[in-house]
């Protein structure tokens, strides 16, 4: 009999679970009266460890830019480096 291999998520499935996409219209469609006076909640399920929203201000492919400093004056380091230092 063959041994069954343990199942592991591929890297893009892990990324999809950890990095959340922001909703375009979290309050609903324009002019929709339902929930008009309620505060907007962007996430319905509890937060899991490592989850965060994608930011528009980081590199899309971080592997290509790893260990390369930013070259503009006054540029701050990429956000993903903060998590690695902890």
N, C-alpha and C. Protein backbone atom coordinates (compact mmCIF):
# COMPACT_ATOMS: atom_id res chain seq x y z
N UNK A 1 0.83 -1.20 0.00
CA UNK A 1 0.00 0.00 0.00
C UNK A 1 0.86 1.25 0.00
N UNK A 2 0.40 2.23 -0.73
CA UNK A 2 1.13 3.50 -0.75
C UNK A 2 0.77 4.34 0.46
N UNK A 3 1.77 5.04 0.95
CA UNK A 3 1.51 5.98 2.04
C UNK A 3 0.94 7.26 1.46
N UNK A 4 -0.03 7.81 2.15
CA UNK A 4 -0.61 9.07 1.70
C UNK A 4 0.30 10.22 2.12
N UNK A 5 0.53 11.12 1.19
CA UNK A 5 1.34 12.30 1.51
C UNK A 5 0.50 13.29 2.27
N UNK A 6 1.14 13.98 3.20
CA UNK A 6 0.44 15.03 3.93
C UNK A 6 0.15 16.18 2.98
N UNK A 7 -1.04 16.72 3.10
CA UNK A 7 -1.45 17.84 2.25
C UNK A 7 -0.91 19.14 2.82
N UNK A 8 -0.35 19.96 1.97
CA UNK A 8 0.12 21.28 2.35
C UNK A 8 -0.42 22.30 1.37
N UNK A 9 -0.86 23.43 1.88
CA UNK A 9 -1.31 24.51 1.01
C UNK A 9 -0.13 25.05 0.21
N UNK A 10 -0.38 25.40 -1.02
CA UNK A 10 0.66 26.05 -1.81
C UNK A 10 0.77 27.50 -1.37
N UNK A 11 1.86 28.15 -1.74
CA UNK A 11 2.13 29.49 -1.22
C UNK A 11 1.05 30.50 -1.57
N UNK A 12 0.45 30.41 -2.77
CA UNK A 12 -0.56 31.41 -3.11
C UNK A 12 -1.84 31.22 -2.31
N UNK A 13 -2.15 30.00 -1.87
CA UNK A 13 -3.32 29.78 -1.01
C UNK A 13 -3.07 30.37 0.38
N UNK A 14 -1.85 30.23 0.88
CA UNK A 14 -1.51 30.83 2.18
C UNK A 14 -1.58 32.35 2.11
N UNK A 15 -1.08 32.91 1.02
CA UNK A 15 -1.10 34.35 0.83
C UNK A 15 -2.54 34.86 0.76
N UNK A 16 -3.40 34.13 0.08
CA UNK A 16 -4.80 34.54 -0.05
C UNK A 16 -5.48 34.56 1.32
N UNK A 17 -5.11 33.65 2.21
CA UNK A 17 -5.71 33.63 3.55
C UNK A 17 -5.15 34.73 4.44
N UNK A 18 -3.88 35.09 4.27
CA UNK A 18 -3.25 36.06 5.16
C UNK A 18 -3.43 37.51 4.72
N UNK A 19 -3.47 37.75 3.41
CA UNK A 19 -3.60 39.12 2.91
C UNK A 19 -5.00 39.33 2.38
N UNK A 20 -5.73 40.24 3.00
CA UNK A 20 -7.12 40.48 2.65
C UNK A 20 -7.23 41.62 1.66
N UNK A 21 -8.18 41.51 0.75
CA UNK A 21 -8.43 42.58 -0.22
C UNK A 21 -9.46 43.53 0.37
N UNK A 22 -9.22 44.81 0.26
CA UNK A 22 -10.17 45.79 0.75
C UNK A 22 -11.41 45.80 -0.14
N UNK A 23 -12.56 45.97 0.48
CA UNK A 23 -13.79 46.05 -0.29
C UNK A 23 -13.90 47.41 -0.95
N UNK A 24 -14.42 47.42 -2.16
CA UNK A 24 -14.57 48.69 -2.87
C UNK A 24 -15.63 49.56 -2.22
N UNK A 25 -16.78 48.96 -1.90
CA UNK A 25 -17.87 49.70 -1.26
C UNK A 25 -18.31 48.93 -0.01
N UNK A 26 -17.58 49.03 1.12
CA UNK A 26 -17.92 48.24 2.30
C UNK A 26 -19.27 48.61 2.90
N UNK A 27 -19.77 49.81 2.61
CA UNK A 27 -21.05 50.23 3.17
C UNK A 27 -22.23 49.83 2.29
N UNK A 28 -21.97 49.16 1.17
CA UNK A 28 -23.04 48.74 0.27
C UNK A 28 -23.08 49.62 -0.96
N UNK A 29 -24.02 49.34 -1.83
CA UNK A 29 -24.12 50.10 -3.06
C UNK A 29 -24.55 51.55 -2.76
N UNK A 30 -24.23 52.44 -3.66
CA UNK A 30 -24.50 53.87 -3.47
C UNK A 30 -26.00 54.10 -3.31
N UNK A 31 -26.37 54.80 -2.26
CA UNK A 31 -27.77 55.15 -2.02
C UNK A 31 -28.61 54.06 -1.39
N UNK A 32 -28.01 52.95 -1.04
CA UNK A 32 -28.76 51.84 -0.46
C UNK A 32 -29.08 52.17 1.00
N UNK A 33 -30.37 52.16 1.41
CA UNK A 33 -30.73 52.60 2.76
C UNK A 33 -30.43 51.60 3.87
N UNK A 34 -30.20 50.33 3.56
CA UNK A 34 -29.96 49.33 4.61
C UNK A 34 -28.64 49.63 5.32
N UNK A 35 -28.66 49.71 6.63
CA UNK A 35 -27.46 49.98 7.42
C UNK A 35 -26.97 51.41 7.29
N UNK A 36 -27.86 52.31 6.96
CA UNK A 36 -27.48 53.71 6.74
C UNK A 36 -26.86 54.35 7.98
N UNK A 37 -27.37 53.99 9.15
CA UNK A 37 -26.87 54.60 10.39
C UNK A 37 -25.91 53.70 11.16
N UNK A 38 -25.55 52.56 10.60
CA UNK A 38 -24.63 51.63 11.27
C UNK A 38 -23.20 51.90 10.81
N UNK A 39 -22.25 51.64 11.70
CA UNK A 39 -20.85 51.85 11.32
C UNK A 39 -20.41 50.74 10.36
N UNK A 40 -19.43 51.05 9.52
CA UNK A 40 -18.94 50.10 8.52
C UNK A 40 -17.95 49.14 9.16
N UNK A 41 -18.14 47.85 8.92
CA UNK A 41 -17.20 46.84 9.39
C UNK A 41 -16.65 46.15 8.15
N UNK A 42 -15.34 46.16 7.99
CA UNK A 42 -14.73 45.58 6.80
C UNK A 42 -14.52 44.08 6.88
N UNK A 43 -14.63 43.50 8.04
CA UNK A 43 -14.36 42.06 8.19
C UNK A 43 -15.43 41.45 9.07
N UNK A 44 -16.06 40.38 8.56
CA UNK A 44 -17.16 39.74 9.29
C UNK A 44 -16.68 38.63 10.22
N UNK A 45 -15.56 37.98 9.89
CA UNK A 45 -15.06 36.88 10.71
C UNK A 45 -13.97 37.39 11.65
N UNK A 46 -13.68 36.66 12.72
CA UNK A 46 -12.62 37.09 13.64
C UNK A 46 -11.25 37.10 12.95
N UNK A 47 -10.38 37.98 13.41
CA UNK A 47 -9.03 38.06 12.86
C UNK A 47 -8.25 36.82 13.25
N UNK A 48 -7.48 36.30 12.30
CA UNK A 48 -6.57 35.20 12.57
C UNK A 48 -5.15 35.74 12.60
N UNK A 49 -4.26 35.00 13.25
CA UNK A 49 -2.87 35.46 13.36
C UNK A 49 -2.24 35.59 11.98
N UNK A 50 -1.60 36.72 11.72
CA UNK A 50 -0.91 36.94 10.46
C UNK A 50 -1.75 37.60 9.38
N UNK A 51 -3.06 37.81 9.63
CA UNK A 51 -3.89 38.43 8.61
C UNK A 51 -3.68 39.94 8.60
N UNK A 52 -3.70 40.52 7.41
CA UNK A 52 -3.57 41.96 7.25
C UNK A 52 -4.13 42.34 5.88
N UNK A 53 -4.39 43.62 5.69
CA UNK A 53 -4.87 44.12 4.41
C UNK A 53 -3.68 44.42 3.51
N UNK A 54 -3.87 44.23 2.22
CA UNK A 54 -2.87 44.65 1.25
C UNK A 54 -2.81 46.17 1.26
N UNK A 55 -1.65 46.72 1.11
CA UNK A 55 -1.48 48.16 1.01
C UNK A 55 -1.10 48.50 -0.43
N UNK A 56 -1.58 49.61 -0.90
CA UNK A 56 -1.25 50.04 -2.25
C UNK A 56 0.15 50.62 -2.34
N UNK A 57 0.83 50.75 -1.22
CA UNK A 57 2.09 51.46 -1.19
C UNK A 57 3.30 50.55 -0.92
N UNK A 58 3.16 49.26 -1.16
CA UNK A 58 4.29 48.33 -1.03
C UNK A 58 4.54 47.67 -2.39
N UNK A 59 5.70 47.05 -2.52
CA UNK A 59 6.03 46.39 -3.78
C UNK A 59 5.12 45.19 -4.02
N UNK A 60 4.71 45.00 -5.28
CA UNK A 60 3.83 43.88 -5.61
C UNK A 60 4.57 42.56 -5.45
N UNK A 61 5.78 42.48 -5.99
CA UNK A 61 6.56 41.25 -5.90
C UNK A 61 7.74 41.52 -4.97
N UNK A 62 7.57 41.23 -3.71
CA UNK A 62 8.58 41.57 -2.70
C UNK A 62 9.88 40.82 -2.89
N UNK A 63 9.81 39.61 -3.44
CA UNK A 63 11.02 38.80 -3.64
C UNK A 63 12.01 39.46 -4.58
N UNK A 64 11.51 40.20 -5.58
CA UNK A 64 12.40 40.87 -6.52
C UNK A 64 13.10 42.08 -5.90
N UNK A 65 12.53 42.62 -4.84
CA UNK A 65 13.06 43.83 -4.23
C UNK A 65 13.71 43.58 -2.87
N UNK A 66 13.84 42.33 -2.48
CA UNK A 66 14.40 42.01 -1.17
C UNK A 66 15.85 42.47 -1.09
N UNK A 67 16.19 43.10 0.01
CA UNK A 67 17.54 43.59 0.31
C UNK A 67 18.03 44.67 -0.65
N UNK A 68 17.13 45.32 -1.36
CA UNK A 68 17.49 46.46 -2.21
C UNK A 68 16.87 47.70 -1.56
N UNK A 69 17.69 48.65 -1.11
CA UNK A 69 17.12 49.83 -0.46
C UNK A 69 16.37 50.71 -1.45
N UNK A 70 15.40 51.45 -0.96
CA UNK A 70 14.69 52.40 -1.80
C UNK A 70 15.64 53.54 -2.16
N UNK A 71 15.45 54.11 -3.33
CA UNK A 71 16.43 55.08 -3.83
C UNK A 71 15.95 56.52 -3.82
N UNK A 72 14.71 56.77 -3.41
CA UNK A 72 14.21 58.14 -3.34
C UNK A 72 14.58 58.75 -1.99
N UNK A 73 14.84 60.05 -1.99
CA UNK A 73 15.15 60.73 -0.73
C UNK A 73 13.95 60.70 0.19
N UNK A 74 14.19 60.40 1.46
CA UNK A 74 13.13 60.41 2.46
C UNK A 74 12.22 59.20 2.41
N UNK A 75 12.52 58.21 1.58
CA UNK A 75 11.67 57.02 1.48
C UNK A 75 11.86 56.15 2.73
N UNK A 76 10.75 55.66 3.24
CA UNK A 76 10.83 54.77 4.40
C UNK A 76 11.04 53.34 3.93
N UNK A 77 11.52 52.44 4.79
CA UNK A 77 11.74 51.05 4.38
C UNK A 77 10.40 50.37 4.07
N UNK A 78 10.39 49.35 3.22
CA UNK A 78 9.15 48.64 2.90
C UNK A 78 8.49 48.08 4.17
N UNK A 79 7.17 48.03 4.18
CA UNK A 79 6.41 47.61 5.37
C UNK A 79 6.66 46.16 5.75
N UNK A 80 7.00 45.31 4.81
CA UNK A 80 7.15 43.90 5.13
C UNK A 80 8.39 43.61 5.97
N UNK A 81 9.33 44.51 6.02
CA UNK A 81 10.54 44.29 6.81
C UNK A 81 10.27 44.37 8.31
N UNK A 82 9.24 45.11 8.71
CA UNK A 82 8.94 45.27 10.13
C UNK A 82 8.55 43.94 10.75
N UNK A 83 7.78 43.12 10.04
CA UNK A 83 7.33 41.83 10.58
C UNK A 83 8.50 40.85 10.69
N UNK A 84 9.47 40.94 9.80
CA UNK A 84 10.60 40.01 9.82
C UNK A 84 11.52 40.26 11.00
N UNK A 85 11.61 41.50 11.48
CA UNK A 85 12.53 41.85 12.57
C UNK A 85 12.01 41.36 13.92
N UNK A 86 10.71 41.18 14.05
CA UNK A 86 10.13 40.81 15.34
C UNK A 86 10.33 39.36 15.66
